Protein backbone atom coordinates (compact mmCIF):
# COMPACT_ATOMS: atom_id res chain seq x y z
CA MET A 1 12.71 13.71 23.02
CA LYS A 2 11.28 16.00 20.37
CA PHE A 3 12.94 14.03 17.58
CA LEU A 4 12.37 10.59 19.12
CA PHE A 5 10.30 9.60 16.07
CA LEU A 6 13.52 9.61 14.02
CA LEU A 7 14.84 6.58 15.93
CA PRO A 8 12.34 3.98 14.61
CA ILE A 9 12.46 5.60 11.15
CA ILE A 10 16.25 5.27 10.99
CA ILE A 11 16.06 1.68 12.23
CA ALA A 12 13.32 0.89 9.66
CA VAL A 13 15.21 2.38 6.72
CA VAL A 14 18.39 0.50 7.64
CA LEU A 15 16.67 -2.79 8.48
CA TYR A 16 14.40 -2.76 5.43
CA SER A 17 17.02 -1.64 2.90
CA VAL A 18 20.16 -3.67 3.60
CA TYR A 19 20.91 -6.55 1.22
CA LEU A 20 17.78 -5.90 -0.85
CA LYS A 21 19.21 -7.87 -3.76
CA GLU A 22 20.14 -10.92 -1.69
CA VAL A 23 17.02 -11.15 0.50
CA ALA A 24 14.64 -11.98 -1.14
CA ILE A 25 17.05 -13.93 -3.31
CA HIS A 26 15.42 -13.21 -6.68
CA LEU A 27 12.58 -11.23 -8.22
CA ASN A 28 9.22 -12.96 -8.46
CA PRO A 29 7.02 -12.51 -11.57
CA ASP A 30 4.87 -9.80 -9.96
CA GLU A 31 7.95 -7.73 -9.13
CA VAL A 32 9.23 -8.06 -12.69
CA VAL A 33 5.98 -6.86 -14.28
CA PHE A 34 5.51 -4.02 -11.78
CA SER A 35 9.06 -2.81 -12.41
CA LEU A 36 8.85 -3.05 -16.21
CA ASN A 37 5.64 -1.03 -16.29
CA ALA A 38 7.18 1.50 -13.88
CA TYR A 39 10.32 1.80 -15.99
CA SER A 40 8.25 2.32 -19.14
CA ILE A 41 6.13 4.98 -17.40
CA ALA A 42 9.26 6.72 -16.08
CA LYS A 43 10.89 6.87 -19.52
CA THR A 44 7.95 7.39 -21.90
CA GLY A 45 4.72 7.94 -19.94
CA PHE A 46 3.29 4.80 -21.56
CA ASP A 47 2.93 1.36 -19.99
CA GLU A 48 4.15 -1.91 -21.50
CA ASN A 49 0.91 -2.14 -23.51
CA ASN A 50 1.30 1.37 -24.94
CA ARG A 51 -1.38 3.01 -22.76
CA PHE A 52 -0.60 6.59 -21.68
CA LEU A 53 -0.63 7.03 -17.88
CA PRO A 54 -3.31 4.36 -17.32
CA LEU A 55 -5.38 4.17 -14.15
CA TYR A 56 -4.74 0.42 -13.89
CA PHE A 57 -2.10 -1.85 -15.46
CA TRP A 58 -2.59 -5.13 -17.32
CA HIS A 59 -0.70 -7.65 -15.19
CA LEU A 60 0.72 -11.07 -16.06
CA GLY A 61 -1.91 -11.51 -18.76
CA VAL A 62 -4.66 -12.31 -16.24
CA MET A 63 -5.86 -9.14 -14.48
CA TRP A 64 -5.58 -5.39 -14.02
CA SER A 65 -3.21 -4.39 -11.22
CA THR A 66 -3.47 -1.35 -8.96
CA PRO A 67 -1.57 1.78 -9.99
CA ILE A 68 0.02 3.25 -6.86
CA ILE A 69 2.89 0.76 -6.69
CA VAL A 70 3.72 1.35 -10.36
CA TYR A 71 3.67 5.15 -10.20
CA LEU A 72 5.70 5.29 -6.97
CA THR A 73 8.28 2.97 -8.52
CA ALA A 74 8.30 5.13 -11.66
CA LEU A 75 9.14 8.18 -9.52
CA VAL A 76 12.07 6.30 -7.99
CA LEU A 77 13.25 5.19 -11.45
CA LYS A 78 13.21 8.81 -12.58
CA ILE A 79 16.15 9.31 -10.22
CA LEU A 80 17.83 5.92 -9.88
CA PRO A 81 18.77 3.19 -12.39
CA LEU A 82 16.75 0.02 -12.99
CA THR A 83 18.29 -2.62 -10.70
CA GLU A 84 16.92 -5.32 -8.40
CA GLU A 85 17.75 -3.24 -5.31
CA VAL A 86 16.32 0.01 -6.67
CA ILE A 87 12.93 -1.37 -7.67
CA ARG A 88 12.38 -2.54 -4.08
CA ILE A 89 13.10 0.93 -2.63
CA PRO A 90 9.43 2.04 -3.00
CA SER A 91 8.39 -0.72 -0.59
CA VAL A 92 11.12 0.37 1.83
CA ILE A 93 9.58 3.86 1.65
CA ILE A 94 6.06 2.48 2.25
CA GLY A 95 7.19 0.31 5.17
CA SER A 96 9.09 3.22 6.78
CA LEU A 97 6.08 5.50 6.28
CA ASP A 98 3.95 2.98 8.18
CA ILE A 99 6.37 3.23 11.11
CA LEU A 100 6.17 7.04 11.10
CA LEU A 101 2.37 7.07 10.92
CA ILE A 102 1.81 4.57 13.71
CA TYR A 103 4.21 6.56 15.90
CA PHE A 104 2.05 9.67 15.61
CA ILE A 105 -1.22 7.74 15.91
CA THR A 106 -0.21 6.20 19.23
CA ILE A 107 1.02 9.57 20.54
CA LYS A 108 -2.44 10.97 19.74
CA ILE A 109 -4.09 8.04 21.54
CA PHE A 110 -1.81 7.78 24.60
CA LYS A 111 -0.48 11.37 24.80
CA ARG A 112 3.05 10.05 25.46
CA ARG A 113 6.01 9.65 23.10
CA LEU A 114 7.09 6.47 24.89
CA TYR A 115 4.02 4.62 23.62
CA GLY A 116 4.58 5.97 20.13
CA LEU A 117 8.09 4.50 20.21
CA ILE A 118 6.84 1.14 21.53
CA ALA A 119 4.08 0.81 18.90
CA SER A 120 6.43 1.77 16.05
CA LEU A 121 9.02 -0.77 17.21
CA PHE A 122 6.32 -3.44 17.48
CA LEU A 123 5.24 -2.83 13.87
CA LEU A 124 8.81 -2.49 12.64
CA LEU A 125 9.74 -5.92 14.01
CA THR A 126 6.56 -7.73 12.91
CA PRO A 127 7.78 -10.46 10.50
CA PRO A 128 5.26 -9.92 7.64
CA HIS A 129 5.85 -6.16 7.71
CA PHE A 130 9.60 -6.71 7.50
CA ILE A 131 9.20 -9.14 4.57
CA HIS A 132 6.79 -6.98 2.55
CA SER A 133 8.86 -3.83 3.10
CA ARG A 134 11.57 -5.58 1.07
CA LEU A 135 9.46 -6.81 -1.87
CA LEU A 136 7.94 -4.92 -4.81
CA LEU A 137 4.45 -6.27 -4.11
CA ASP A 138 1.34 -4.17 -3.60
CA ASN A 139 0.08 -6.14 -0.57
CA LEU A 140 1.64 -3.59 1.82
CA TYR A 141 0.53 -0.48 -0.08
CA ILE A 142 -2.91 -0.45 1.52
CA VAL A 143 -1.43 0.02 5.01
CA PRO A 144 -0.21 3.67 4.88
CA PHE A 145 -3.60 4.82 3.55
CA MET A 146 -5.37 3.01 6.37
CA LEU A 147 -2.94 4.52 8.90
CA ALA A 148 -3.30 8.01 7.41
CA TRP A 149 -7.08 7.65 7.80
CA LEU A 150 -6.65 6.53 11.39
CA LEU A 151 -4.28 9.41 12.22
CA LEU A 152 -6.60 11.98 10.64
CA MET A 153 -9.55 10.50 12.55
CA THR A 154 -7.68 11.03 15.85
CA ILE A 155 -7.03 14.65 14.82
CA PHE A 156 -10.67 15.12 13.79
CA LEU A 157 -11.89 13.85 17.17
CA GLU A 158 -9.76 16.54 18.84
CA ARG A 159 -10.59 19.48 16.56
CA LYS A 160 -13.97 18.55 15.02
CA ASN A 161 -12.67 20.11 11.79
CA LEU A 162 -14.62 19.10 8.68
CA PHE A 163 -11.60 19.47 6.40
CA VAL A 164 -9.68 16.94 8.52
CA LEU A 165 -12.60 14.51 8.16
CA PHE A 166 -12.58 15.14 4.41
CA LEU A 167 -8.86 14.28 4.28
CA ALA A 168 -9.43 11.13 6.36
CA THR A 169 -12.01 9.67 3.97
CA PHE A 170 -10.07 11.02 0.97
CA CYS A 171 -7.18 8.76 2.09
CA LEU A 172 -9.60 5.82 2.10
CA GLY A 173 -10.74 6.71 -1.44
CA ILE A 174 -7.15 6.93 -2.71
CA GLY A 175 -6.39 3.70 -0.87
CA VAL A 176 -8.98 1.87 -3.00
CA HIS A 177 -6.38 2.06 -5.79
CA SER A 178 -3.57 0.63 -3.64
CA TYR A 179 -4.37 -3.11 -3.49
CA HIS A 180 -7.15 -5.44 -4.66
CA ALA A 181 -8.40 -6.19 -1.13
CA SER A 182 -8.62 -2.46 -0.45
CA LYS A 183 -11.86 -2.25 -2.43
CA VAL A 184 -13.42 -4.28 0.38
CA MET A 185 -11.41 -2.95 3.31
CA MET A 186 -11.53 0.76 2.47
CA SER A 187 -15.29 0.50 1.98
CA LEU A 188 -15.53 -1.19 5.37
CA TYR A 189 -13.42 1.53 7.04
CA PHE A 190 -15.59 4.16 5.41
CA LEU A 191 -18.70 2.46 6.83
CA MET A 192 -16.99 2.32 10.25
CA THR A 193 -16.33 6.05 9.96
CA LEU A 194 -19.99 6.82 9.21
CA ILE A 195 -21.16 4.71 12.16
CA TYR A 196 -18.60 6.37 14.42
CA LEU A 197 -19.89 9.80 13.37
CA ILE A 198 -23.55 9.08 14.23
CA PRO A 199 -23.38 10.59 17.78
CA GLU A 200 -21.82 13.76 16.31
CA ILE A 201 -24.39 14.34 13.53
CA LYS A 202 -26.78 16.42 15.64
CA ARG A 203 -24.01 18.94 16.35
CA GLN A 204 -22.53 18.99 12.82
CA LYS A 205 -25.01 18.15 10.06
CA MET A 206 -22.34 18.33 7.32
CA LEU A 207 -20.36 15.39 8.70
CA ILE A 208 -21.84 12.69 6.45
CA PRO A 209 -21.79 14.78 3.22
CA THR A 210 -18.18 15.76 3.93
CA ALA A 211 -17.14 12.17 4.56
CA LEU A 212 -18.94 11.00 1.41
CA LEU A 213 -17.32 13.70 -0.71
CA GLY A 214 -13.84 12.82 0.54
CA PHE A 215 -14.31 9.12 -0.18
CA CYS A 216 -15.96 9.51 -3.59
CA ILE A 217 -13.67 12.07 -5.26
CA PRO A 218 -10.73 9.62 -5.68
CA LEU A 219 -13.15 7.07 -7.16
CA LEU A 220 -14.34 9.38 -9.97
CA PRO A 221 -11.52 8.38 -12.41
CA LEU A 222 -13.00 4.86 -12.33
CA ILE A 223 -16.07 6.06 -14.28
CA PRO A 224 -14.32 6.80 -17.61
CA TRP A 225 -11.84 3.97 -17.02
CA LEU A 226 -14.51 1.30 -16.47
CA SER A 227 -16.50 2.54 -19.45
CA LYS A 228 -13.42 1.85 -21.59
CA TYR A 229 -12.13 -1.24 -19.73
CA PRO A 230 -15.19 -2.88 -18.07
CA ASP A 231 -13.20 -6.07 -17.52
CA THR A 232 -11.08 -4.34 -14.83
CA LEU A 233 -13.38 -5.55 -12.06
CA THR A 234 -14.61 -8.77 -13.66
CA ASP A 235 -11.04 -9.97 -14.25
CA GLN A 236 -10.25 -9.36 -10.58
CA VAL A 237 -13.35 -11.32 -9.57
CA LYS A 238 -12.31 -14.14 -11.91
CA TYR A 239 -8.69 -14.12 -10.69
CA THR A 240 -9.66 -14.20 -7.02
CA GLY A 241 -12.43 -16.76 -7.58
CA LEU A 242 -14.98 -14.69 -5.68
CA TYR A 243 -17.75 -16.16 -7.83
CA ASP A 244 -18.27 -17.65 -11.30
CA THR A 245 -17.89 -14.76 -13.76
CA ASN A 246 -20.12 -16.58 -16.24
CA LEU A 247 -22.94 -15.48 -13.94
CA SER A 248 -24.26 -11.94 -13.79
CA PRO A 249 -23.04 -9.89 -10.81
CA LEU A 250 -26.45 -10.23 -9.15
CA GLU A 251 -26.47 -14.02 -9.61
CA GLY A 252 -22.85 -14.16 -8.40
CA ILE A 253 -23.74 -12.27 -5.21
CA LYS A 254 -26.66 -14.67 -4.65
CA THR A 255 -24.23 -17.62 -4.74
CA LEU A 256 -22.16 -15.87 -2.07
CA LEU A 257 -25.20 -15.62 0.20
CA THR A 258 -26.09 -19.31 0.29
CA TRP A 259 -25.89 -20.91 3.74
CA GLN A 260 -23.24 -23.38 2.61
CA ASN A 261 -21.03 -20.60 1.26
CA LEU A 262 -21.56 -18.35 4.30
CA ILE A 263 -20.62 -21.16 6.69
CA SER A 264 -17.51 -21.94 4.61
CA LYS A 265 -16.40 -18.28 4.56
CA ALA A 266 -17.12 -17.90 8.29
CA SER A 267 -14.96 -20.96 9.00
CA ILE A 268 -12.08 -19.49 6.98
CA PHE A 269 -12.52 -16.12 8.71
CA ILE A 270 -12.31 -17.70 12.16
CA SER A 271 -9.22 -19.72 11.17
CA TYR A 272 -7.30 -16.45 10.78
CA PHE A 273 -7.31 -16.15 14.58
CA SER A 274 -5.78 -19.60 15.08
CA PRO A 275 -2.91 -19.29 17.63
CA ASN A 276 -0.75 -21.56 15.46
CA PHE A 277 -1.20 -19.26 12.44
CA LEU A 278 -0.74 -16.05 14.46
CA PHE A 279 2.30 -17.05 16.49
CA PHE A 280 4.06 -20.04 14.96
CA SER A 281 3.50 -20.79 11.25
CA GLY A 282 2.42 -17.61 9.43
CA ASP A 283 1.51 -17.30 5.75
CA LEU A 284 1.25 -20.48 3.67
CA SER A 285 3.30 -18.92 0.83
CA LEU A 286 7.10 -18.95 1.13
CA ILE A 287 7.15 -15.64 -0.78
CA HIS A 288 5.38 -14.01 2.15
CA SER A 289 6.69 -16.07 5.06
CA THR A 290 9.57 -18.26 6.22
CA ARG A 291 7.11 -20.72 7.85
CA GLU A 292 9.48 -20.62 10.84
CA VAL A 293 7.70 -17.83 12.71
CA GLY A 294 4.14 -16.57 12.98
CA ILE A 295 2.60 -13.24 12.12
CA PHE A 296 3.25 -11.65 15.50
CA LEU A 297 6.01 -11.59 18.08
CA LEU A 298 5.46 -14.18 20.81
CA SER A 299 4.99 -11.42 23.38
CA TYR A 300 1.70 -10.58 21.62
CA MET A 301 0.24 -13.79 23.08
CA ILE A 302 0.07 -11.91 26.39
CA LEU A 303 -0.09 -8.31 25.17
CA LEU A 304 -3.09 -8.63 22.81
CA PRO A 305 -5.51 -9.99 25.48
CA LEU A 306 -4.20 -7.47 28.02
CA GLY A 307 -4.56 -4.67 25.49
CA ILE A 308 -8.18 -5.58 24.76
CA ILE A 309 -8.90 -5.76 28.51
CA ASN A 310 -7.29 -2.35 28.99
CA ILE A 311 -9.38 -0.82 26.19
CA LEU A 312 -12.61 -2.25 27.62
CA LYS A 313 -11.74 -0.96 31.09
CA GLU A 314 -11.10 2.62 29.97
CA GLN A 315 -13.88 5.16 30.46
CA SER A 316 -13.29 6.84 27.08
CA LYS A 317 -13.03 3.56 25.19
CA ARG A 318 -14.91 4.56 22.02
CA PHE A 319 -11.84 4.98 19.83
CA GLY A 320 -10.23 1.90 21.40
CA LEU A 321 -13.25 -0.13 20.29
CA PHE A 322 -12.68 1.34 16.83
CA ILE A 323 -9.18 -0.23 16.92
CA ILE A 324 -10.49 -3.60 18.13
CA ILE A 325 -13.10 -3.70 15.34
CA GLY A 326 -10.38 -2.86 12.81
CA PHE A 327 -8.27 -5.73 14.15
CA LEU A 328 -11.11 -8.27 14.16
CA SER A 329 -12.34 -7.30 10.67
CA SER A 330 -8.93 -7.65 9.00
CA PRO A 331 -9.45 -11.18 7.53
CA ILE A 332 -12.72 -10.25 5.77
CA ALA A 333 -11.18 -9.78 2.31
CA PRO A 334 -9.18 -13.05 2.14
CA ALA A 335 -12.05 -14.98 3.75
CA LEU A 336 -14.44 -13.69 1.07
CA ILE A 337 -12.35 -15.25 -1.68
CA GLY A 338 -11.73 -18.46 0.25
CA ASN A 339 -8.01 -17.88 0.95
CA GLN A 340 -6.96 -19.47 4.22
CA TYR A 341 -3.86 -18.55 6.25
CA ARG A 342 -2.71 -15.76 3.91
CA VAL A 343 -1.59 -12.83 6.06
CA SER A 344 -0.22 -11.25 2.88
CA LYS A 345 -3.86 -10.47 2.01
CA GLU A 346 -4.68 -8.96 5.41
CA LEU A 347 -1.62 -6.87 6.26
CA VAL A 348 -3.93 -4.20 7.71
CA ILE A 349 -4.10 -6.39 10.81
CA LEU A 350 -0.47 -5.60 11.69
CA PRO A 351 -0.80 -1.94 12.83
CA PHE A 352 -4.09 -2.61 14.62
CA ALA A 353 -2.37 -5.42 16.53
CA ALA A 354 0.65 -3.21 17.32
CA ILE A 355 -1.65 -0.54 18.80
CA ILE A 356 -3.58 -3.10 20.87
CA ALA A 357 -0.29 -4.60 22.10
CA THR A 358 0.74 -1.09 23.16
CA PHE A 359 -2.47 -0.87 25.19
CA GLY A 360 -1.26 -4.12 26.78
CA ILE A 361 2.07 -2.50 27.67
CA LYS A 362 0.20 0.45 29.18
CA PHE A 363 -1.88 -1.99 31.25
CA LEU A 364 1.29 -3.55 32.67
CA LEU A 365 3.10 -0.24 33.22
CA SER A 366 0.11 1.15 35.12
CA SER A 367 0.55 -1.59 37.73
CA ASP A 368 1.97 -0.52 41.10
CA LYS A 369 3.96 -3.73 41.38
CA LYS A 370 7.63 -3.42 40.39
CA LEU A 371 7.85 -7.09 39.37
CA ILE A 372 5.09 -6.62 36.78
CA LYS A 373 6.88 -3.58 35.32
CA ILE A 374 10.09 -5.61 34.96
CA PHE A 375 8.06 -8.36 33.26
CA CYS A 376 6.65 -5.69 30.91
CA MET A 377 10.15 -4.60 29.86
CA ILE A 378 11.11 -8.22 29.20
CA LEU A 379 8.05 -8.59 26.96
CA VAL A 380 8.98 -5.50 24.94
CA MET A 381 12.53 -6.75 24.43
CA ALA A 382 11.25 -10.22 23.50
């Protein structure tokens, strides 16, 4: 039982890595540019545009891309040759790391290895996670940083150790450089952390300064970078269509706060919880979905509501509410830019959902009725 965590990791590595060249059938333009920059960094230390170890990478002639995917791929290409299969190995690593992290998070929450195994298998078999663990795209690269933060927060709540809190928010700060949406989501998770810490402040006055320090240190390299390349953020705003970049940032933010725009964004946000999108159709893009299945396994239709009920029923439900808020806030980034039905831009929802579904399994297993327990096992296998 001690090494039970190896089971989902082995399954993930095998499942995510077989036939990498054939499925997906060819490289898309993003994968090509990521891999070429990574290969150039691995061989010379310079990117395709002759910049030495840049913080961000000029991508497809339209925007600056995040660096973590490029540098991880460069590390792989230091060892292995440049092939279609090899350049997708970093995403296999990221996807497998997600499985490992959620295993330990759920053990911390439920205090039983069984639930760690269930949650990791739920995430492993989630269709979007499977797809993105086989593509060299940075959409998935936000997830391990969010999970590392969550794991460290569970450890902090046990030990009340300031260094653990520092590491938790440090992961959020590093995660800002993992994916474009992470600038919104990591800031939101940091705000959630500060709010969560409020009841503890009287006992430990250094909580907020420690959390701030952890989050801000990884952001410091942005200061010299933005002074040299100020278009890094404006190009992302232009590419995503957040607001008209001909306007000043202040004017752009004002356009976002009009009633018409707020209602439109709220409508898009709500649409992300459409049962058809969640369980039957999935992402609009065929790069990120088959359009034959939804985001979640069908068993989630029962397990998610049961999981939320179970969390709300528990006496020590504070951290469970933290998970629910994380789940419900996941579509904020794509809704802000007006993207509808794009789970590829809200992959952080997947582990939150897997944990809530595991609460649903716990709810069923806690029943005294044998028939309900059998039904629970059927749901897991489904």
